[in-house]
Amino acid sequence: MLKADLHIHTQYSMDCQTPLDKIISRCQELGINCIAIADHGTAEGALKMQEIAPFKVIVAEEILTTEGEIMGMFLKETIPSGITPQEAVKRIREQDGLVNIPHPFEKIRGSALKDRVIDEIAGDIDLMEVLNSRSPFPANTNKARAFAEKHGIPGGAGSDAHSIYEIGNAYVEIPDFNGKDEFLKALAQGEIHGKRSGMFVHLYSSWAKVKTRFRKRG
């Protein structure tokens, strides 16, 4: 069985400072042996991680569309931000990837995909994040689970880690797989585990954003 955290950020995200090697070490400490690296606006960190990690790495990206974020999984290259949700789905499909909705139905997270868009593209959604450790309200999780069940969409889970201390706060136990089709079948058999990380973890990403801005100015 795999212990899969399906939403982790790296130093390739503008709001994260965590080096790839530290993520690997932390995963090994926790027994996490499958991860999806889903940086904001780039697949470069995930592609690099796939080369060096001693466990399964799914290349993913959080694509900021005009209506909020969509996660592409099993990607081969970066998909640009600023496109429509429909265009994002199209480009994910062109890479033979999967469409995942991260942190759905969150009202306080400005980057969350708008509810009406989730309804509009329901038929194109391959999986949905039904547990995100950075989501503060159980109601969001309950709504995501209900939506996924209604539409027959497998549920995933991820820590949404922006620091090494958050890794593994949410994960799915799934059978081993090869490729996206086997992954979806494994996910349908998965068992979700996790907890909420608490509000203080947002300080990590806020501080990382500040450091990134100063670095760019320098």
N, C-alpha and C. Protein backbone atom coordinates (compact mmCIF):
# COMPACT_ATOMS: atom_id res chain seq x y z
N MET A 1 0.84 -1.21 0.00
CA MET A 1 0.00 0.00 0.00
C MET A 1 0.87 1.26 0.00
N LEU A 2 0.37 2.28 -0.64
CA LEU A 2 1.04 3.57 -0.66
C LEU A 2 0.37 4.53 0.30
N LYS A 3 1.18 5.38 0.88
CA LYS A 3 0.70 6.45 1.75
C LYS A 3 0.94 7.74 0.97
N ALA A 4 -0.14 8.27 0.35
CA ALA A 4 0.01 9.32 -0.65
C ALA A 4 -0.53 10.66 -0.18
N ASP A 5 0.37 11.64 -0.09
CA ASP A 5 -0.01 13.03 0.16
C ASP A 5 -0.08 13.70 -1.20
N LEU A 6 -1.27 14.05 -1.64
CA LEU A 6 -1.50 14.46 -3.02
C LEU A 6 -1.53 15.97 -3.23
N HIS A 7 -0.85 16.71 -2.35
CA HIS A 7 -0.82 18.17 -2.53
C HIS A 7 0.31 18.75 -1.68
N ILE A 8 1.47 18.91 -2.28
CA ILE A 8 2.63 19.47 -1.58
C ILE A 8 3.28 20.54 -2.44
N HIS A 9 3.70 21.63 -1.79
CA HIS A 9 4.40 22.72 -2.48
C HIS A 9 5.89 22.68 -2.17
N THR A 10 6.66 23.30 -3.06
CA THR A 10 8.12 23.35 -2.91
C THR A 10 8.59 24.80 -3.08
N GLN A 11 9.88 24.98 -3.05
CA GLN A 11 10.47 26.31 -3.24
C GLN A 11 10.20 26.87 -4.64
N TYR A 12 9.64 26.07 -5.52
CA TYR A 12 9.27 26.57 -6.84
C TYR A 12 7.96 27.36 -6.81
N SER A 13 7.23 27.29 -5.69
CA SER A 13 6.05 28.13 -5.50
C SER A 13 6.47 29.45 -4.88
N MET A 14 5.77 30.52 -5.24
CA MET A 14 6.15 31.85 -4.74
C MET A 14 5.88 32.00 -3.26
N ASP A 15 5.07 31.10 -2.68
CA ASP A 15 4.72 31.20 -1.26
C ASP A 15 5.25 30.03 -0.44
N CYS A 16 6.34 29.45 -0.90
CA CYS A 16 6.95 28.32 -0.19
C CYS A 16 8.46 28.38 -0.34
N GLN A 17 9.17 28.01 0.72
CA GLN A 17 10.63 28.07 0.71
C GLN A 17 11.26 26.67 0.91
N THR A 18 10.48 25.61 0.82
CA THR A 18 10.97 24.29 1.18
C THR A 18 11.76 23.64 0.05
N PRO A 19 13.04 23.34 0.27
CA PRO A 19 13.85 22.67 -0.76
C PRO A 19 13.38 21.24 -1.00
N LEU A 20 13.65 20.75 -2.19
CA LEU A 20 13.21 19.41 -2.56
C LEU A 20 13.81 18.34 -1.66
N ASP A 21 15.08 18.47 -1.32
CA ASP A 21 15.73 17.42 -0.52
C ASP A 21 15.12 17.33 0.88
N LYS A 22 14.68 18.45 1.42
CA LYS A 22 14.06 18.42 2.76
C LYS A 22 12.68 17.76 2.70
N ILE A 23 11.98 17.95 1.60
CA ILE A 23 10.68 17.27 1.42
C ILE A 23 10.90 15.77 1.37
N ILE A 24 11.91 15.33 0.64
CA ILE A 24 12.21 13.90 0.55
C ILE A 24 12.51 13.33 1.93
N SER A 25 13.36 14.00 2.68
CA SER A 25 13.72 13.52 4.01
C SER A 25 12.52 13.44 4.94
N ARG A 26 11.68 14.46 4.90
CA ARG A 26 10.50 14.47 5.76
C ARG A 26 9.52 13.36 5.38
N CYS A 27 9.32 13.14 4.10
CA CYS A 27 8.45 12.06 3.65
C CYS A 27 8.97 10.71 4.13
N GLN A 28 10.27 10.51 4.05
CA GLN A 28 10.85 9.25 4.49
C GLN A 28 10.67 9.06 6.00
N GLU A 29 10.79 10.13 6.75
CA GLU A 29 10.55 10.06 8.20
C GLU A 29 9.13 9.62 8.52
N LEU A 30 8.18 10.11 7.73
CA LEU A 30 6.76 9.87 8.00
C LEU A 30 6.20 8.64 7.31
N GLY A 31 6.98 8.03 6.45
CA GLY A 31 6.48 6.88 5.71
C GLY A 31 5.60 7.26 4.53
N ILE A 32 5.66 8.53 4.10
CA ILE A 32 4.95 8.97 2.91
C ILE A 32 5.76 8.50 1.70
N ASN A 33 5.17 7.64 0.88
CA ASN A 33 5.93 7.08 -0.24
C ASN A 33 5.27 7.34 -1.60
N CYS A 34 4.40 8.32 -1.63
CA CYS A 34 3.81 8.80 -2.88
C CYS A 34 3.36 10.23 -2.65
N ILE A 35 3.77 11.15 -3.53
CA ILE A 35 3.38 12.55 -3.36
C ILE A 35 3.03 13.15 -4.71
N ALA A 36 2.17 14.15 -4.66
CA ALA A 36 1.93 14.99 -5.82
C ALA A 36 2.50 16.37 -5.50
N ILE A 37 3.47 16.79 -6.29
CA ILE A 37 4.02 18.13 -6.15
C ILE A 37 3.18 19.04 -7.04
N ALA A 38 2.51 20.01 -6.41
CA ALA A 38 1.56 20.86 -7.12
C ALA A 38 1.89 22.32 -6.84
N ASP A 39 2.98 22.80 -7.41
CA ASP A 39 3.36 24.19 -7.20
C ASP A 39 2.44 25.13 -7.96
N HIS A 40 2.42 26.38 -7.51
CA HIS A 40 1.61 27.40 -8.16
C HIS A 40 2.26 27.82 -9.48
N GLY A 41 1.54 27.59 -10.58
CA GLY A 41 1.97 28.14 -11.86
C GLY A 41 3.18 27.52 -12.50
N THR A 42 3.64 26.38 -12.01
CA THR A 42 4.79 25.73 -12.63
C THR A 42 4.83 24.25 -12.29
N ALA A 43 5.30 23.46 -13.25
CA ALA A 43 5.51 22.03 -13.02
C ALA A 43 6.99 21.71 -12.86
N GLU A 44 7.83 22.73 -12.88
CA GLU A 44 9.28 22.50 -12.88
C GLU A 44 9.78 21.80 -11.62
N GLY A 45 9.28 22.22 -10.47
CA GLY A 45 9.70 21.57 -9.22
C GLY A 45 9.27 20.11 -9.18
N ALA A 46 8.08 19.84 -9.67
CA ALA A 46 7.58 18.46 -9.68
C ALA A 46 8.39 17.60 -10.62
N LEU A 47 8.75 18.13 -11.79
CA LEU A 47 9.56 17.38 -12.74
C LEU A 47 10.93 17.08 -12.17
N LYS A 48 11.51 18.05 -11.48
CA LYS A 48 12.81 17.84 -10.84
C LYS A 48 12.70 16.81 -9.72
N MET A 49 11.65 16.93 -8.91
CA MET A 49 11.44 15.98 -7.81
C MET A 49 11.28 14.56 -8.34
N GLN A 50 10.61 14.40 -9.44
CA GLN A 50 10.41 13.08 -10.04
C GLN A 50 11.75 12.44 -10.41
N GLU A 51 12.72 13.26 -10.75
CA GLU A 51 14.04 12.76 -11.13
C GLU A 51 14.85 12.26 -9.92
N ILE A 52 14.65 12.89 -8.76
CA ILE A 52 15.54 12.62 -7.63
C ILE A 52 14.92 11.86 -6.47
N ALA A 53 13.60 11.82 -6.39
CA ALA A 53 12.96 11.20 -5.23
C ALA A 53 13.02 9.67 -5.32
N PRO A 54 13.20 8.98 -4.19
CA PRO A 54 13.26 7.52 -4.17
C PRO A 54 11.88 6.87 -4.02
N PHE A 55 10.83 7.63 -4.29
CA PHE A 55 9.47 7.12 -4.19
C PHE A 55 8.64 7.75 -5.31
N LYS A 56 7.38 7.37 -5.40
CA LYS A 56 6.52 7.85 -6.49
C LYS A 56 6.25 9.35 -6.37
N VAL A 57 6.38 10.04 -7.48
CA VAL A 57 6.07 11.46 -7.55
C VAL A 57 5.14 11.70 -8.73
N ILE A 58 4.00 12.30 -8.45
CA ILE A 58 3.06 12.70 -9.49
C ILE A 58 3.34 14.16 -9.83
N VAL A 59 3.58 14.42 -11.10
CA VAL A 59 3.84 15.79 -11.54
C VAL A 59 2.51 16.52 -11.67
N ALA A 60 2.34 17.55 -10.86
CA ALA A 60 1.08 18.30 -10.83
C ALA A 60 1.39 19.79 -10.84
N GLU A 61 0.34 20.58 -10.95
CA GLU A 61 0.47 22.04 -10.94
C GLU A 61 -0.87 22.64 -10.55
N GLU A 62 -0.85 23.65 -9.70
CA GLU A 62 -2.04 24.45 -9.44
C GLU A 62 -2.06 25.59 -10.45
N ILE A 63 -3.01 25.51 -11.36
CA ILE A 63 -3.13 26.50 -12.43
C ILE A 63 -4.15 27.55 -12.00
N LEU A 64 -3.71 28.78 -11.90
CA LEU A 64 -4.62 29.86 -11.51
C LEU A 64 -5.36 30.34 -12.75
N THR A 65 -6.60 29.90 -12.90
CA THR A 65 -7.41 30.32 -14.04
C THR A 65 -8.11 31.64 -13.73
N THR A 66 -8.86 32.12 -14.67
CA THR A 66 -9.61 33.37 -14.48
C THR A 66 -10.73 33.22 -13.45
N GLU A 67 -11.02 31.96 -13.05
CA GLU A 67 -12.10 31.72 -12.10
C GLU A 67 -11.63 30.96 -10.85
N GLY A 68 -10.30 30.87 -10.68
CA GLY A 68 -9.76 30.15 -9.53
C GLY A 68 -8.89 28.97 -9.96
N GLU A 69 -8.39 28.25 -8.98
CA GLU A 69 -7.37 27.23 -9.26
C GLU A 69 -7.95 25.87 -9.66
N ILE A 70 -7.30 25.27 -10.65
CA ILE A 70 -7.53 23.89 -11.06
C ILE A 70 -6.19 23.19 -11.00
N MET A 71 -6.17 21.98 -10.49
CA MET A 71 -4.92 21.22 -10.44
C MET A 71 -4.87 20.22 -11.59
N GLY A 72 -3.81 20.32 -12.38
CA GLY A 72 -3.53 19.29 -13.38
C GLY A 72 -2.58 18.28 -12.78
N MET A 73 -2.81 17.00 -13.03
CA MET A 73 -1.97 15.92 -12.50
C MET A 73 -1.49 15.02 -13.65
N PHE A 74 -0.33 14.40 -13.44
CA PHE A 74 0.30 13.57 -14.46
C PHE A 74 0.65 14.42 -15.68
N LEU A 75 1.19 15.61 -15.38
CA LEU A 75 1.58 16.53 -16.43
C LEU A 75 2.99 16.25 -16.93
N LYS A 76 3.27 16.80 -18.11
CA LYS A 76 4.60 16.68 -18.71
C LYS A 76 5.31 18.03 -18.77
N GLU A 77 4.53 19.11 -18.68
CA GLU A 77 5.12 20.45 -18.71
C GLU A 77 4.16 21.45 -18.09
N THR A 78 4.67 22.65 -17.83
CA THR A 78 3.89 23.71 -17.20
C THR A 78 2.75 24.18 -18.09
N ILE A 79 1.61 24.44 -17.47
CA ILE A 79 0.47 25.07 -18.13
C ILE A 79 0.40 26.50 -17.60
N PRO A 80 0.29 27.51 -18.47
CA PRO A 80 0.32 28.90 -18.00
C PRO A 80 -0.91 29.28 -17.20
N SER A 81 -0.73 30.23 -16.31
CA SER A 81 -1.83 30.79 -15.54
C SER A 81 -2.57 31.83 -16.38
N GLY A 82 -3.73 32.28 -15.87
CA GLY A 82 -4.46 33.34 -16.53
C GLY A 82 -5.39 32.89 -17.64
N ILE A 83 -5.51 31.58 -17.83
CA ILE A 83 -6.40 31.05 -18.86
C ILE A 83 -7.76 30.72 -18.24
N THR A 84 -8.74 30.45 -19.05
CA THR A 84 -10.06 30.10 -18.53
C THR A 84 -10.04 28.68 -17.97
N PRO A 85 -10.98 28.35 -17.10
CA PRO A 85 -11.06 26.97 -16.61
C PRO A 85 -11.20 25.96 -17.74
N GLN A 86 -12.00 26.30 -18.74
CA GLN A 86 -12.20 25.39 -19.86
C GLN A 86 -10.90 25.17 -20.64
N GLU A 87 -10.13 26.24 -20.80
CA GLU A 87 -8.84 26.11 -21.48
C GLU A 87 -7.87 25.28 -20.65
N ALA A 88 -7.92 25.45 -19.33
CA ALA A 88 -7.05 24.66 -18.46
C ALA A 88 -7.37 23.17 -18.59
N VAL A 89 -8.66 22.85 -18.58
CA VAL A 89 -9.07 21.45 -18.76
C VAL A 89 -8.56 20.92 -20.09
N LYS A 90 -8.71 21.71 -21.14
CA LYS A 90 -8.26 21.32 -22.48
C LYS A 90 -6.76 21.03 -22.50
N ARG A 91 -5.99 21.92 -21.87
CA ARG A 91 -4.53 21.75 -21.89
C ARG A 91 -4.08 20.57 -21.03
N ILE A 92 -4.80 20.32 -19.95
CA ILE A 92 -4.49 19.14 -19.13
C ILE A 92 -4.75 17.88 -19.95
N ARG A 93 -5.87 17.86 -20.67
CA ARG A 93 -6.21 16.71 -21.50
C ARG A 93 -5.18 16.50 -22.62
N GLU A 94 -4.68 17.60 -23.17
CA GLU A 94 -3.68 17.50 -24.24
C GLU A 94 -2.40 16.82 -23.77
N GLN A 95 -2.14 16.90 -22.44
CA GLN A 95 -0.98 16.22 -21.87
C GLN A 95 -1.35 14.84 -21.32
N ASP A 96 -2.58 14.41 -21.59
CA ASP A 96 -3.08 13.13 -21.08
C ASP A 96 -3.05 13.11 -19.56
N GLY A 97 -3.38 14.27 -18.97
CA GLY A 97 -3.37 14.39 -17.51
C GLY A 97 -4.76 14.29 -16.91
N LEU A 98 -4.81 14.45 -15.60
CA LEU A 98 -6.06 14.38 -14.85
C LEU A 98 -6.43 15.76 -14.30
N VAL A 99 -7.73 16.02 -14.24
CA VAL A 99 -8.25 17.26 -13.71
C VAL A 99 -8.68 17.05 -12.26
N ASN A 100 -8.04 17.78 -11.36
CA ASN A 100 -8.34 17.70 -9.93
C ASN A 100 -8.78 19.09 -9.45
N ILE A 101 -9.73 19.12 -8.54
CA ILE A 101 -10.16 20.40 -7.96
C ILE A 101 -9.62 20.50 -6.53
N PRO A 102 -8.63 21.37 -6.30
CA PRO A 102 -8.09 21.53 -4.95
C PRO A 102 -8.96 22.45 -4.11
N HIS A 103 -8.95 22.21 -2.82
CA HIS A 103 -9.69 23.01 -1.82
C HIS A 103 -11.01 23.56 -2.37
N PRO A 104 -11.92 22.68 -2.81
CA PRO A 104 -13.18 23.16 -3.38
C PRO A 104 -14.13 23.75 -2.33
N PHE A 105 -14.96 24.65 -2.79
CA PHE A 105 -16.05 25.24 -1.99
C PHE A 105 -15.56 26.07 -0.80
N GLU A 106 -14.31 26.53 -0.85
CA GLU A 106 -13.80 27.38 0.23
C GLU A 106 -14.16 28.84 -0.05
N LYS A 107 -14.84 29.43 0.88
CA LYS A 107 -15.29 30.81 0.70
C LYS A 107 -14.22 31.84 1.07
N ILE A 108 -13.32 31.48 1.99
CA ILE A 108 -12.35 32.48 2.45
C ILE A 108 -11.04 32.42 1.68
N ARG A 109 -10.89 31.42 0.81
CA ARG A 109 -9.67 31.32 0.02
C ARG A 109 -9.95 31.89 -1.36
N GLY A 110 -9.35 33.03 -1.64
CA GLY A 110 -9.63 33.72 -2.89
C GLY A 110 -9.27 32.94 -4.13
N SER A 111 -8.33 32.01 -4.01
CA SER A 111 -7.88 31.25 -5.18
C SER A 111 -8.74 30.02 -5.47
N ALA A 112 -9.71 29.74 -4.60
CA ALA A 112 -10.55 28.55 -4.81
C ALA A 112 -11.40 28.73 -6.06
N LEU A 113 -11.56 27.65 -6.81
CA LEU A 113 -12.39 27.69 -8.01
C LEU A 113 -13.84 28.01 -7.62
N LYS A 114 -14.44 28.91 -8.35
CA LYS A 114 -15.81 29.34 -8.03
C LYS A 114 -16.79 28.17 -8.12
N ASP A 115 -17.74 28.16 -7.20
CA ASP A 115 -18.69 27.05 -7.10
C ASP A 115 -19.42 26.81 -8.42
N ARG A 116 -19.85 27.88 -9.08
CA ARG A 116 -20.62 27.71 -10.31
C ARG A 116 -19.78 27.05 -11.40
N VAL A 117 -18.47 27.32 -11.39
CA VAL A 117 -17.59 26.72 -12.38
C VAL A 117 -17.41 25.22 -12.10
N ILE A 118 -17.33 24.87 -10.82
CA ILE A 118 -17.24 23.45 -10.47
C ILE A 118 -18.46 22.72 -11.01
N ASP A 119 -19.62 23.33 -10.88
CA ASP A 119 -20.84 22.72 -11.43
C ASP A 119 -20.76 22.62 -12.95
N GLU A 120 -20.25 23.67 -13.58
CA GLU A 120 -20.19 23.70 -15.05
C GLU A 120 -19.26 22.64 -15.62
N ILE A 121 -18.16 22.36 -14.94
CA ILE A 121 -17.18 21.42 -15.49
C ILE A 121 -17.21 20.07 -14.78
N ALA A 122 -18.28 19.81 -14.05
CA ALA A 122 -18.37 18.57 -13.26
C ALA A 122 -18.04 17.32 -14.07
N GLY A 123 -18.49 17.29 -15.32
CA GLY A 123 -18.26 16.13 -16.17
C GLY A 123 -16.81 15.94 -16.58
N ASP A 124 -15.98 16.98 -16.39
CA ASP A 124 -14.56 16.90 -16.76
C ASP A 124 -13.65 16.65 -15.56
N ILE A 125 -14.23 16.59 -14.36
CA ILE A 125 -13.42 16.42 -13.15
C ILE A 125 -13.11 14.93 -12.94
N ASP A 126 -11.82 14.62 -12.81
CA ASP A 126 -11.38 13.23 -12.60
C ASP A 126 -11.31 12.86 -11.13
N LEU A 127 -10.94 13.82 -10.29
CA LEU A 127 -10.89 13.61 -8.86
C LEU A 127 -11.05 14.95 -8.17
N MET A 128 -11.43 14.89 -6.90
CA MET A 128 -11.65 16.11 -6.13
C MET A 128 -11.00 15.97 -4.76
N GLU A 129 -10.37 17.04 -4.31
CA GLU A 129 -9.72 17.05 -3.01
C GLU A 129 -10.79 17.18 -1.92
N VAL A 130 -11.13 16.06 -1.30
CA VAL A 130 -12.20 16.08 -0.29
C VAL A 130 -11.65 16.32 1.12
N LEU A 131 -10.32 16.32 1.24
CA LEU A 131 -9.69 16.73 2.50
C LEU A 131 -8.42 17.50 2.18
N ASN A 132 -8.41 18.76 2.59
CA ASN A 132 -7.24 19.63 2.46
C ASN A 132 -6.93 20.13 3.87
N SER A 133 -5.73 19.85 4.35
CA SER A 133 -5.40 20.16 5.75
C SER A 133 -5.43 21.65 6.05
N ARG A 134 -5.28 22.46 5.03
CA ARG A 134 -5.33 23.91 5.24
C ARG A 134 -6.74 24.48 5.19
N SER A 135 -7.72 23.62 4.92
CA SER A 135 -9.10 24.07 4.92
C SER A 135 -9.60 24.12 6.36
N PRO A 136 -9.99 25.29 6.86
CA PRO A 136 -10.29 25.41 8.29
C PRO A 136 -11.67 24.92 8.72
N PHE A 137 -12.58 24.76 7.76
CA PHE A 137 -13.96 24.49 8.14
C PHE A 137 -14.42 23.10 7.68
N PRO A 138 -14.93 22.28 8.60
CA PRO A 138 -15.44 20.95 8.23
C PRO A 138 -16.54 21.00 7.18
N ALA A 139 -17.31 22.08 7.15
CA ALA A 139 -18.41 22.18 6.18
C ALA A 139 -17.90 22.10 4.75
N ASN A 140 -16.70 22.65 4.49
CA ASN A 140 -16.13 22.57 3.15
C ASN A 140 -15.84 21.13 2.77
N THR A 141 -15.27 20.39 3.72
CA THR A 141 -14.95 18.98 3.49
C THR A 141 -16.23 18.19 3.23
N ASN A 142 -17.25 18.45 4.02
CA ASN A 142 -18.51 17.73 3.86
C ASN A 142 -19.15 18.01 2.51
N LYS A 143 -19.09 19.26 2.07
CA LYS A 143 -19.67 19.62 0.78
C LYS A 143 -18.89 18.97 -0.36
N ALA A 144 -17.56 18.94 -0.24
CA ALA A 144 -16.72 18.32 -1.27
C ALA A 144 -17.01 16.82 -1.37
N ARG A 145 -17.12 16.16 -0.22
CA ARG A 145 -17.43 14.73 -0.22
C ARG A 145 -18.78 14.46 -0.86
N ALA A 146 -19.78 15.27 -0.52
CA ALA A 146 -21.12 15.08 -1.06
C ALA A 146 -21.14 15.28 -2.57
N PHE A 147 -20.42 16.32 -3.03
CA PHE A 147 -20.36 16.59 -4.47
C PHE A 147 -19.68 15.44 -5.20
N ALA A 148 -18.57 14.97 -4.65
CA ALA A 148 -17.83 13.87 -5.29
C ALA A 148 -18.69 12.60 -5.36
N GLU A 149 -19.38 12.31 -4.30
CA GLU A 149 -20.24 11.12 -4.29
C GLU A 149 -21.38 11.26 -5.29
N LYS A 150 -21.98 12.42 -5.35
CA LYS A 150 -23.10 12.66 -6.26
C LYS A 150 -22.69 12.44 -7.71
N HIS A 151 -21.48 12.87 -8.06
CA HIS A 151 -21.02 12.81 -9.44
C HIS A 151 -20.11 11.61 -9.72
N GLY A 152 -19.95 10.74 -8.76
CA GLY A 152 -19.11 9.56 -8.97
C GLY A 152 -17.65 9.88 -9.18
N ILE A 153 -17.17 10.91 -8.48
CA ILE A 153 -15.77 11.36 -8.61
C ILE A 153 -14.96 10.82 -7.44
N PRO A 154 -13.81 10.17 -7.69
CA PRO A 154 -12.97 9.71 -6.58
C PRO A 154 -12.47 10.88 -5.74
N GLY A 155 -12.39 10.66 -4.44
CA GLY A 155 -11.92 11.70 -3.54
C GLY A 155 -10.45 11.55 -3.20
N GLY A 156 -9.73 12.66 -3.22
CA GLY A 156 -8.32 12.66 -2.84
C GLY A 156 -8.10 13.49 -1.60
N ALA A 157 -6.87 13.51 -1.12
CA ALA A 157 -6.52 14.27 0.07
C ALA A 157 -5.08 14.75 -0.02
N GLY A 158 -4.84 15.92 0.54
CA GLY A 158 -3.49 16.44 0.55
C GLY A 158 -3.29 17.44 1.67
N SER A 159 -2.07 17.53 2.12
CA SER A 159 -1.75 18.46 3.21
C SER A 159 -1.74 19.91 2.75
N ASP A 160 -1.52 20.12 1.41
CA ASP A 160 -1.33 21.48 0.89
C ASP A 160 -0.13 22.11 1.59
N ALA A 161 0.86 21.28 1.88
CA ALA A 161 2.00 21.71 2.69
C ALA A 161 2.81 22.82 2.01
N HIS A 162 3.05 23.88 2.77
CA HIS A 162 3.96 24.94 2.37
C HIS A 162 5.18 24.96 3.29
N SER A 163 5.26 23.99 4.18
CA SER A 163 6.41 23.81 5.07
C SER A 163 6.56 22.31 5.33
N ILE A 164 7.73 21.90 5.74
CA ILE A 164 7.94 20.46 5.97
C ILE A 164 7.10 19.94 7.12
N TYR A 165 6.71 20.83 8.04
CA TYR A 165 5.95 20.39 9.21
C TYR A 165 4.51 20.01 8.86
N GLU A 166 4.04 20.45 7.71
CA GLU A 166 2.67 20.13 7.30
C GLU A 166 2.56 18.85 6.50
N ILE A 167 3.66 18.39 5.97
CA ILE A 167 3.63 17.20 5.11
C ILE A 167 3.02 16.02 5.86
N GLY A 168 2.13 15.32 5.20
CA GLY A 168 1.50 14.15 5.81
C GLY A 168 0.30 14.45 6.69
N ASN A 169 -0.06 15.72 6.84
CA ASN A 169 -1.23 16.05 7.65
C ASN A 169 -2.52 15.53 7.02
N ALA A 170 -2.48 15.26 5.73
CA ALA A 170 -3.59 14.56 5.05
C ALA A 170 -2.99 13.65 4.00
N TYR A 171 -3.51 12.45 3.90
CA TYR A 171 -3.00 11.51 2.90
C TYR A 171 -4.06 10.44 2.63
N VAL A 172 -3.83 9.69 1.56
CA VAL A 172 -4.71 8.59 1.19
C VAL A 172 -3.89 7.31 1.14
N GLU A 173 -4.38 6.27 1.77
CA GLU A 173 -3.77 4.95 1.62
C GLU A 173 -4.38 4.28 0.41
N ILE A 174 -3.56 3.97 -0.57
CA ILE A 174 -4.05 3.39 -1.81
C ILE A 174 -3.14 2.25 -2.26
N PRO A 175 -3.67 1.32 -3.08
CA PRO A 175 -2.82 0.29 -3.66
C PRO A 175 -1.80 0.92 -4.62
N ASP A 176 -0.73 0.22 -4.87
CA ASP A 176 0.27 0.70 -5.82
C ASP A 176 -0.36 0.82 -7.20
N PHE A 177 0.22 1.66 -8.04
CA PHE A 177 -0.35 1.91 -9.36
C PHE A 177 0.75 2.26 -10.34
N ASN A 178 0.42 2.14 -11.61
CA ASN A 178 1.29 2.59 -12.68
C ASN A 178 0.43 3.40 -13.66
N GLY A 179 0.70 4.69 -13.73
CA GLY A 179 -0.03 5.54 -14.65
C GLY A 179 -1.34 6.06 -14.09
N LYS A 180 -1.92 6.99 -14.83
CA LYS A 180 -3.09 7.72 -14.34
C LYS A 180 -4.34 6.86 -14.23
N ASP A 181 -4.52 5.92 -15.14
CA ASP A 181 -5.72 5.10 -15.10
C ASP A 181 -5.72 4.19 -13.88
N GLU A 182 -4.59 3.56 -13.61
CA GLU A 182 -4.47 2.72 -12.41
C GLU A 182 -4.57 3.57 -11.15
N PHE A 183 -4.05 4.81 -11.23
CA PHE A 183 -4.14 5.71 -10.08
C PHE A 183 -5.60 5.97 -9.71
N LEU A 184 -6.43 6.26 -10.69
CA LEU A 184 -7.84 6.53 -10.41
C LEU A 184 -8.54 5.30 -9.82
N LYS A 185 -8.20 4.13 -10.33
CA LYS A 185 -8.78 2.90 -9.78
C LYS A 185 -8.32 2.69 -8.34
N ALA A 186 -7.04 2.97 -8.08
CA ALA A 186 -6.50 2.84 -6.73
C ALA A 186 -7.16 3.84 -5.79
N LEU A 187 -7.37 5.06 -6.29
CA LEU A 187 -7.97 6.10 -5.46
C LEU A 187 -9.40 5.74 -5.07
N ALA A 188 -10.10 5.07 -5.97
CA ALA A 188 -11.48 4.66 -5.68
C ALA A 188 -11.52 3.65 -4.53
N GLN A 189 -10.38 2.98 -4.28
CA GLN A 189 -10.28 2.02 -3.17
C GLN A 189 -9.60 2.63 -1.95
N GLY A 190 -9.26 3.90 -2.05
CA GLY A 190 -8.43 4.53 -1.03
C GLY A 190 -9.14 4.81 0.28
N GLU A 191 -8.31 4.95 1.31
CA GLU A 191 -8.80 5.31 2.64
C GLU A 191 -8.13 6.61 3.05
N ILE A 192 -8.95 7.62 3.31
CA ILE A 192 -8.43 8.96 3.60
C ILE A 192 -8.17 9.14 5.09
N HIS A 193 -7.02 9.73 5.38
CA HIS A 193 -6.63 10.02 6.75
C HIS A 193 -6.17 11.47 6.81
N GLY A 194 -6.30 12.08 7.98
CA GLY A 194 -5.73 13.41 8.10
C GLY A 194 -6.33 14.26 9.19
N LYS A 195 -5.77 15.44 9.28
CA LYS A 195 -6.19 16.42 10.28
C LYS A 195 -6.02 17.81 9.70
N ARG A 196 -6.60 18.78 10.38
CA ARG A 196 -6.44 20.16 9.96
C ARG A 196 -5.16 20.74 10.56
N SER A 197 -4.46 21.50 9.75
CA SER A 197 -3.16 22.01 10.18
C SER A 197 -3.26 23.20 11.11
N GLY A 198 -4.41 23.86 11.16
CA GLY A 198 -4.55 25.05 12.00
C GLY A 198 -4.20 26.31 11.23
N MET A 199 -4.64 27.44 11.73
CA MET A 199 -4.46 28.70 11.01
C MET A 199 -3.02 29.20 11.01
N PHE A 200 -2.23 28.80 12.02
CA PHE A 200 -0.88 29.37 12.13
C PHE A 200 0.00 29.02 10.94
N VAL A 201 -0.30 27.90 10.25
CA VAL A 201 0.57 27.48 9.14
C VAL A 201 0.57 28.48 8.00
N HIS A 202 -0.47 29.31 7.94
CA HIS A 202 -0.51 30.31 6.87
C HIS A 202 0.58 31.36 7.04
N LEU A 203 1.14 31.44 8.24
CA LEU A 203 2.27 32.35 8.45
C LEU A 203 3.48 31.94 7.62
N TYR A 204 3.67 30.61 7.43
CA TYR A 204 4.78 30.13 6.62
C TYR A 204 4.68 30.67 5.19
N SER A 205 3.49 30.53 4.60
CA SER A 205 3.34 30.96 3.22
C SER A 205 3.34 32.48 3.09
N SER A 206 2.80 33.18 4.09
CA SER A 206 2.83 34.64 4.06
C SER A 206 4.26 35.16 4.13
N TRP A 207 5.06 34.57 5.01
CA TRP A 207 6.46 34.99 5.13
C TRP A 207 7.24 34.65 3.86
N ALA A 208 6.94 33.50 3.26
CA ALA A 208 7.61 33.11 2.03
C ALA A 208 7.30 34.10 0.90
N LYS A 209 6.07 34.58 0.84
CA LYS A 209 5.70 35.57 -0.17
C LYS A 209 6.50 36.86 0.00
N VAL A 210 6.65 37.28 1.26
CA VAL A 210 7.43 38.50 1.54
C VAL A 210 8.87 38.32 1.09
N LYS A 211 9.46 37.18 1.43
CA LYS A 211 10.85 36.92 1.05
C LYS A 211 11.01 36.88 -0.46
N THR A 212 10.03 36.30 -1.14
CA THR A 212 10.08 36.23 -2.60
C THR A 212 10.04 37.62 -3.21
N ARG A 213 9.19 38.50 -2.67
CA ARG A 213 9.09 39.87 -3.18
C ARG A 213 10.41 40.63 -2.99
N PHE A 214 11.01 40.49 -1.81
CA PHE A 214 12.28 41.18 -1.55
C PHE A 214 13.39 40.64 -2.45
N ARG A 215 13.38 39.33 -2.70
CA ARG A 215 14.40 38.73 -3.54
C ARG A 215 14.29 39.25 -4.98
N LYS A 216 13.05 39.41 -5.45
CA LYS A 216 12.84 39.91 -6.81
C LYS A 216 13.26 41.38 -6.94
N ARG A 217 12.99 42.12 -5.87
CA ARG A 217 13.39 43.54 -5.90
C ARG A 217 14.91 43.68 -5.89
N GLY A 218 15.56 42.74 -5.18
CA GLY A 218 17.01 42.80 -5.10
C GLY A 218 17.67 42.44 -6.41
